[in-house]
Amino acid sequence: MQQAIIGFHLDDEQHWVADLACGHTQHVRHTPPWQNRPWVITEQGRKEKLGVMLECKKCEVPDTDH
């Protein structure tokens, strides 16, 4: 299910995590060549992604504790 990004925070390992409108979170790492997200490493880049829709895997799984 698509959910809007409403914010970002760093996890305990200093990896960027997107906060989604549904209340779930999703890592948005920049670890080339596997994940190419250079925008996540700058404040301006993250700001420009607010409102962008991400696929929330947790919303797709019915009846789970998440």
PDB file of N, CA and C in Angstrom:
ATOM      1  N   MET A   1       0.832  -1.169   0.000  1.00  0.00           N
ATOM      2  CA  MET A   1       0.000   0.000   0.000  1.00  0.00           C
ATOM      3  C   MET A   1       0.887   1.247   0.000  1.00  0.00           C
ATOM      4  N   GLN A   2       0.580   2.180  -0.829  1.00  0.00           N
ATOM      5  CA  GLN A   2       1.338   3.425  -0.933  1.00  0.00           C
ATOM      6  C   GLN A   2       1.016   4.347   0.249  1.00  0.00           C
ATOM      7  N   GLN A   3       2.064   4.887   0.852  1.00  0.00           N
ATOM      8  CA  GLN A   3       1.927   5.821   1.968  1.00  0.00           C
ATOM      9  C   GLN A   3       2.875   7.000   1.753  1.00  0.00           C
ATOM     10  N   ALA A   4       2.456   8.180   2.173  1.00  0.00           N
ATOM     11  CA  ALA A   4       3.259   9.393   1.999  1.00  0.00           C
ATOM     12  C   ALA A   4       4.346   9.486   3.068  1.00  0.00           C
ATOM     13  N   ILE A   5       5.512   9.996   2.669  1.00  0.00           N
ATOM     14  CA  ILE A   5       6.580  10.298   3.619  1.00  0.00           C
ATOM     15  C   ILE A   5       6.204  11.597   4.333  1.00  0.00           C
ATOM     16  N   ILE A   6       6.213  11.549   5.671  1.00  0.00           N
ATOM     17  CA  ILE A   6       5.881  12.752   6.443  1.00  0.00           C
ATOM     18  C   ILE A   6       7.071  13.285   7.238  1.00  0.00           C
ATOM     19  N   GLY A   7       8.166  12.543   7.238  1.00  0.00           N
ATOM     20  CA  GLY A   7       9.354  12.987   7.959  1.00  0.00           C
ATOM     21  C   GLY A   7      10.462  11.957   7.856  1.00  0.00           C
ATOM     22  N   PHE A   8      11.581  12.262   8.500  1.00  0.00           N
ATOM     23  CA  PHE A   8      12.740  11.375   8.510  1.00  0.00           C
ATOM     24  C   PHE A   8      13.383  11.419   9.885  1.00  0.00           C
ATOM     25  N   HIS A   9      14.050  10.333  10.242  1.00  0.00           N
ATOM     26  CA  HIS A   9      14.864  10.315  11.453  1.00  0.00           C
ATOM     27  C   HIS A   9      16.003   9.324  11.265  1.00  0.00           C
ATOM     28  N   LEU A  10      17.012   9.442  12.125  1.00  0.00           N
ATOM     29  CA  LEU A  10      18.133   8.505  12.117  1.00  0.00           C
ATOM     30  C   LEU A  10      17.871   7.403  13.130  1.00  0.00           C
ATOM     31  N   ASP A  11      18.179   6.154  12.753  1.00  0.00           N
ATOM     32  CA  ASP A  11      18.035   5.050  13.696  1.00  0.00           C
ATOM     33  C   ASP A  11      19.280   4.965  14.576  1.00  0.00           C
ATOM     34  N   ASP A  12      19.348   3.960  15.432  1.00  0.00           N
ATOM     35  CA  ASP A  12      20.468   3.801  16.360  1.00  0.00           C
ATOM     36  C   ASP A  12      21.804   3.590  15.665  1.00  0.00           C
ATOM     37  N   GLU A  13      21.765   3.119  14.418  1.00  0.00           N
ATOM     38  CA  GLU A  13      22.992   2.878  13.655  1.00  0.00           C
ATOM     39  C   GLU A  13      23.294   4.018  12.683  1.00  0.00           C
ATOM     40  N   GLN A  14      22.567   5.137  12.833  1.00  0.00           N
ATOM     41  CA  GLN A  14      22.745   6.335  12.010  1.00  0.00           C
ATOM     42  C   GLN A  14      22.355   6.126  10.550  1.00  0.00           C
ATOM     43  N   HIS A  15      21.350   5.293  10.319  1.00  0.00           N
ATOM     44  CA  HIS A  15      20.775   5.101   8.995  1.00  0.00           C
ATOM     45  C   HIS A  15      19.487   5.913   8.926  1.00  0.00           C
ATOM     46  N   TRP A  16      19.222   6.525   7.773  1.00  0.00           N
ATOM     47  CA  TRP A  16      18.014   7.325   7.607  1.00  0.00           C
ATOM     48  C   TRP A  16      16.791   6.431   7.450  1.00  0.00           C
ATOM     49  N   VAL A  17      15.720   6.838   8.125  1.00  0.00           N
ATOM     50  CA  VAL A  17      14.456   6.119   8.126  1.00  0.00           C
ATOM     51  C   VAL A  17      13.354   7.112   7.770  1.00  0.00           C
ATOM     52  N   ALA A  18      12.499   6.722   6.823  1.00  0.00           N
ATOM     53  CA  ALA A  18      11.347   7.560   6.461  1.00  0.00           C
ATOM     54  C   ALA A  18      10.196   7.256   7.407  1.00  0.00           C
ATOM     55  N   ASP A  19       9.560   8.312   7.907  1.00  0.00           N
ATOM     56  CA  ASP A  19       8.348   8.183   8.701  1.00  0.00           C
ATOM     57  C   ASP A  19       7.175   8.300   7.734  1.00  0.00           C
ATOM     58  N   LEU A  20       6.282   7.318   7.755  1.00  0.00           N
ATOM     59  CA  LEU A  20       5.178   7.277   6.809  1.00  0.00           C
ATOM     60  C   LEU A  20       3.863   7.722   7.458  1.00  0.00           C
ATOM     61  N   ALA A  21       2.940   8.205   6.645  1.00  0.00           N
ATOM     62  CA  ALA A  21       1.664   8.713   7.120  1.00  0.00           C
ATOM     63  C   ALA A  21       0.871   7.667   7.895  1.00  0.00           C
ATOM     64  N   CYS A  22       1.081   6.411   7.615  1.00  0.00           N
ATOM     65  CA  CYS A  22       0.358   5.329   8.279  1.00  0.00           C
ATOM     66  C   CYS A  22       0.882   5.044   9.680  1.00  0.00           C
ATOM     67  N   GLY A  23       2.028   5.641  10.035  1.00  0.00           N
ATOM     68  CA  GLY A  23       2.626   5.397  11.335  1.00  0.00           C
ATOM     69  C   GLY A  23       3.779   4.404  11.285  1.00  0.00           C
ATOM     70  N   HIS A  24       3.966   3.747  10.159  1.00  0.00           N
ATOM     71  CA  HIS A  24       5.080   2.822   9.993  1.00  0.00           C
ATOM     72  C   HIS A  24       6.316   3.592   9.543  1.00  0.00           C
ATOM     73  N   THR A  25       7.436   2.878   9.481  1.00  0.00           N
ATOM     74  CA  THR A  25       8.691   3.482   9.038  1.00  0.00           C
ATOM     75  C   THR A  25       9.339   2.585   7.989  1.00  0.00           C
ATOM     76  N   GLN A  26      10.258   3.169   7.226  1.00  0.00           N
ATOM     77  CA  GLN A  26      10.980   2.397   6.220  1.00  0.00           C
ATOM     78  C   GLN A  26      12.369   2.998   6.043  1.00  0.00           C
ATOM     79  N   HIS A  27      13.398   2.141   6.075  1.00  0.00           N
ATOM     80  CA  HIS A  27      14.756   2.624   5.846  1.00  0.00           C
ATOM     81  C   HIS A  27      14.886   3.134   4.412  1.00  0.00           C
ATOM     82  N   VAL A  28      15.625   4.219   4.260  1.00  0.00           N
ATOM     83  CA  VAL A  28      15.898   4.799   2.936  1.00  0.00           C
ATOM     84  C   VAL A  28      17.402   5.052   2.842  1.00  0.00           C
ATOM     85  N   ARG A  29      18.147   3.968   2.846  1.00  0.00           N
ATOM     86  CA  ARG A  29      19.612   4.051   2.842  1.00  0.00           C
ATOM     87  C   ARG A  29      20.163   4.411   1.461  1.00  0.00           C
ATOM     88  N   HIS A  30      21.316   5.062   1.500  1.00  0.00           N
ATOM     89  CA  HIS A  30      22.086   5.302   0.278  1.00  0.00           C
ATOM     90  C   HIS A  30      23.327   4.432   0.387  1.00  0.00           C
ATOM     91  N   THR A  31      23.264   3.237  -0.210  1.00  0.00           N
ATOM     92  CA  THR A  31      24.373   2.286  -0.153  1.00  0.00           C
ATOM     93  C   THR A  31      24.638   1.735  -1.552  1.00  0.00           C
ATOM     94  N   PRO A  32      25.194   2.580  -2.442  1.00  0.00           N
ATOM     95  CA  PRO A  32      25.463   2.123  -3.804  1.00  0.00           C
ATOM     96  C   PRO A  32      26.375   0.903  -3.815  1.00  0.00           C
ATOM     97  N   PRO A  33      26.240   0.018  -4.757  1.00  0.00           N
ATOM     98  CA  PRO A  33      25.312   0.062  -5.892  1.00  0.00           C
ATOM     99  C   PRO A  33      23.944  -0.558  -5.588  1.00  0.00           C
ATOM    100  N   TRP A  34      23.732  -1.052  -4.379  1.00  0.00           N
ATOM    101  CA  TRP A  34      22.471  -1.732  -4.067  1.00  0.00           C
ATOM    102  C   TRP A  34      21.300  -0.778  -3.920  1.00  0.00           C
ATOM    103  N   GLN A  35      21.500   0.318  -3.219  1.00  0.00           N
ATOM    104  CA  GLN A  35      20.446   1.315  -3.036  1.00  0.00           C
ATOM    105  C   GLN A  35      21.041   2.684  -3.357  1.00  0.00           C
ATOM    106  N   ASN A  36      20.563   3.280  -4.424  1.00  0.00           N
ATOM    107  CA  ASN A  36      21.113   4.547  -4.881  1.00  0.00           C
ATOM    108  C   ASN A  36      20.140   5.680  -4.540  1.00  0.00           C
ATOM    109  N   ARG A  37      20.337   6.257  -3.358  1.00  0.00           N
ATOM    110  CA  ARG A  37      19.476   7.352  -2.898  1.00  0.00           C
ATOM    111  C   ARG A  37      20.347   8.497  -2.373  1.00  0.00           C
ATOM    112  N   PRO A  38      21.093   9.162  -3.242  1.00  0.00           N
ATOM    113  CA  PRO A  38      21.970  10.236  -2.764  1.00  0.00           C
ATOM    114  C   PRO A  38      21.201  11.386  -2.118  1.00  0.00           C
ATOM    115  N   TRP A  39      19.939  11.540  -2.449  1.00  0.00           N
ATOM    116  CA  TRP A  39      19.131  12.619  -1.878  1.00  0.00           C
ATOM    117  C   TRP A  39      18.987  12.496  -0.357  1.00  0.00           C
ATOM    118  N   VAL A  40      19.086  11.282   0.171  1.00  0.00           N
ATOM    119  CA  VAL A  40      18.839  11.083   1.603  1.00  0.00           C
ATOM    120  C   VAL A  40      19.958  11.658   2.477  1.00  0.00           C
ATOM    121  N   ILE A  41      21.115  11.904   1.918  1.00  0.00           N
ATOM    122  CA  ILE A  41      22.236  12.365   2.735  1.00  0.00           C
ATOM    123  C   ILE A  41      22.258  13.881   2.939  1.00  0.00           C
ATOM    124  N   THR A  42      21.347  14.613   2.282  1.00  0.00           N
ATOM    125  CA  THR A  42      21.283  16.063   2.500  1.00  0.00           C
ATOM    126  C   THR A  42      19.910  16.453   3.047  1.00  0.00           C
ATOM    127  N   GLU A  43      19.901  17.482   3.863  1.00  0.00           N
ATOM    128  CA  GLU A  43      18.648  17.978   4.423  1.00  0.00           C
ATOM    129  C   GLU A  43      17.696  18.425   3.309  1.00  0.00           C
ATOM    130  N   GLN A  44      18.232  19.130   2.314  1.00  0.00           N
ATOM    131  CA  GLN A  44      17.412  19.596   1.195  1.00  0.00           C
ATOM    132  C   GLN A  44      16.821  18.411   0.416  1.00  0.00           C
ATOM    133  N   GLY A  45      17.624  17.381   0.191  1.00  0.00           N
ATOM    134  CA  GLY A  45      17.146  16.203  -0.515  1.00  0.00           C
ATOM    135  C   GLY A  45      15.999  15.523   0.211  1.00  0.00           C
ATOM    136  N   ARG A  46      16.132  15.376   1.529  1.00  0.00           N
ATOM    137  CA  ARG A  46      15.055  14.772   2.313  1.00  0.00           C
ATOM    138  C   ARG A  46      13.816  15.650   2.290  1.00  0.00           C
ATOM    139  N   LYS A  47      14.005  16.949   2.408  1.00  0.00           N
ATOM    140  CA  LYS A  47      12.874  17.889   2.396  1.00  0.00           C
ATOM    141  C   LYS A  47      12.080  17.774   1.094  1.00  0.00           C
ATOM    142  N   GLU A  48      12.791  17.606  -0.021  1.00  0.00           N
ATOM    143  CA  GLU A  48      12.134  17.490  -1.323  1.00  0.00           C
ATOM    144  C   GLU A  48      11.333  16.198  -1.461  1.00  0.00           C
ATOM    145  N   LYS A  49      11.614  15.198  -0.630  1.00  0.00           N
ATOM    146  CA  LYS A  49      10.903  13.916  -0.716  1.00  0.00           C
ATOM    147  C   LYS A  49       9.688  13.842   0.207  1.00  0.00           C
ATOM    148  N   LEU A  50       9.469  14.864   1.030  1.00  0.00           N
ATOM    149  CA  LEU A  50       8.273  14.875   1.866  1.00  0.00           C
ATOM    150  C   LEU A  50       7.034  14.837   0.971  1.00  0.00           C
ATOM    151  N   GLY A  51       6.108  13.970   1.289  1.00  0.00           N
ATOM    152  CA  GLY A  51       4.894  13.820   0.489  1.00  0.00           C
ATOM    153  C   GLY A  51       4.996  12.767  -0.594  1.00  0.00           C
ATOM    154  N   VAL A  52       6.217  12.322  -0.905  1.00  0.00           N
ATOM    155  CA  VAL A  52       6.399  11.273  -1.910  1.00  0.00           C
ATOM    156  C   VAL A  52       5.835   9.962  -1.360  1.00  0.00           C
ATOM    157  N   MET A  53       5.238   9.183  -2.220  1.00  0.00           N
ATOM    158  CA  MET A  53       4.635   7.923  -1.815  1.00  0.00           C
ATOM    159  C   MET A  53       5.665   6.785  -1.850  1.00  0.00           C
ATOM    160  N   LEU A  54       5.672   5.981  -0.790  1.00  0.00           N
ATOM    161  CA  LEU A  54       6.499   4.776  -0.713  1.00  0.00           C
ATOM    162  C   LEU A  54       5.582   3.585  -0.486  1.00  0.00           C
ATOM    163  N   GLU A  55       6.021   2.438  -0.922  1.00  0.00           N
ATOM    164  CA  GLU A  55       5.277   1.206  -0.691  1.00  0.00           C
ATOM    165  C   GLU A  55       5.515   0.762   0.753  1.00  0.00           C
ATOM    166  N   CYS A  56       4.455   0.674   1.556  1.00  0.00           N
ATOM    167  CA  CYS A  56       4.574   0.226   2.936  1.00  0.00           C
ATOM    168  C   CYS A  56       4.216  -1.254   3.000  1.00  0.00           C
ATOM    169  N   LYS A  57       5.223  -2.080   3.173  1.00  0.00           N
ATOM    170  CA  LYS A  57       5.015  -3.529   3.237  1.00  0.00           C
ATOM    171  C   LYS A  57       4.229  -3.921   4.481  1.00  0.00           C
ATOM    172  N   LYS A  58       4.411  -3.177   5.577  1.00  0.00           N
ATOM    173  CA  LYS A  58       3.709  -3.512   6.818  1.00  0.00           C
ATOM    174  C   LYS A  58       2.195  -3.310   6.687  1.00  0.00           C
ATOM    175  N   CYS A  59       1.782  -2.327   5.907  1.00  0.00           N
ATOM    176  CA  CYS A  59       0.343  -2.092   5.703  1.00  0.00           C
ATOM    177  C   CYS A  59      -0.299  -3.219   4.865  1.00  0.00           C
ATOM    178  N   GLU A  60       0.509  -3.887   4.070  1.00  0.00           N
ATOM    179  CA  GLU A  60      -0.013  -4.938   3.199  1.00  0.00           C
ATOM    180  C   GLU A  60      -0.221  -6.257   3.916  1.00  0.00           C
ATOM    181  N   VAL A  61       0.389  -6.409   5.099  1.00  0.00           N
ATOM    182  CA  VAL A  61       0.291  -7.674   5.836  1.00  0.00           C
ATOM    183  C   VAL A  61      -0.854  -7.562   6.839  1.00  0.00           C
ATOM    184  N   PRO A  62      -1.946  -8.314   6.630  1.00  0.00           N
ATOM    185  CA  PRO A  62      -3.094  -8.207   7.530  1.00  0.00           C
ATOM    186  C   PRO A  62      -2.837  -8.892   8.875  1.00  0.00           C
ATOM    187  N   ASP A  63      -3.456  -8.322   9.909  1.00  0.00           N
ATOM    188  CA  ASP A  63      -3.460  -8.939  11.238  1.00  0.00           C
ATOM    189  C   ASP A  63      -2.079  -9.265  11.781  1.00  0.00           C
ATOM    190  N   THR A  64      -1.149  -8.329  11.649  1.00  0.00           N
ATOM    191  CA  THR A  64       0.164  -8.540  12.257  1.00  0.00           C
ATOM    192  C   THR A  64       0.396  -7.475  13.300  1.00  0.00           C
ATOM    193  N   ASP A  65       1.217  -7.765  14.229  1.00  0.00           N
ATOM    194  CA  ASP A  65       1.583  -6.806  15.261  1.00  0.00           C
ATOM    195  C   ASP A  65       2.712  -5.940  14.730  1.00  0.00           C
ATOM    196  N   HIS A  66       2.383  -4.732  14.293  1.00  0.00           N
ATOM    197  CA  HIS A  66       3.390  -3.820  13.764  1.00  0.00           C
ATOM    198  C   HIS A  66       3.176  -2.450  14.236  1.00  0.00           C
TER     199      HIS A  66
END
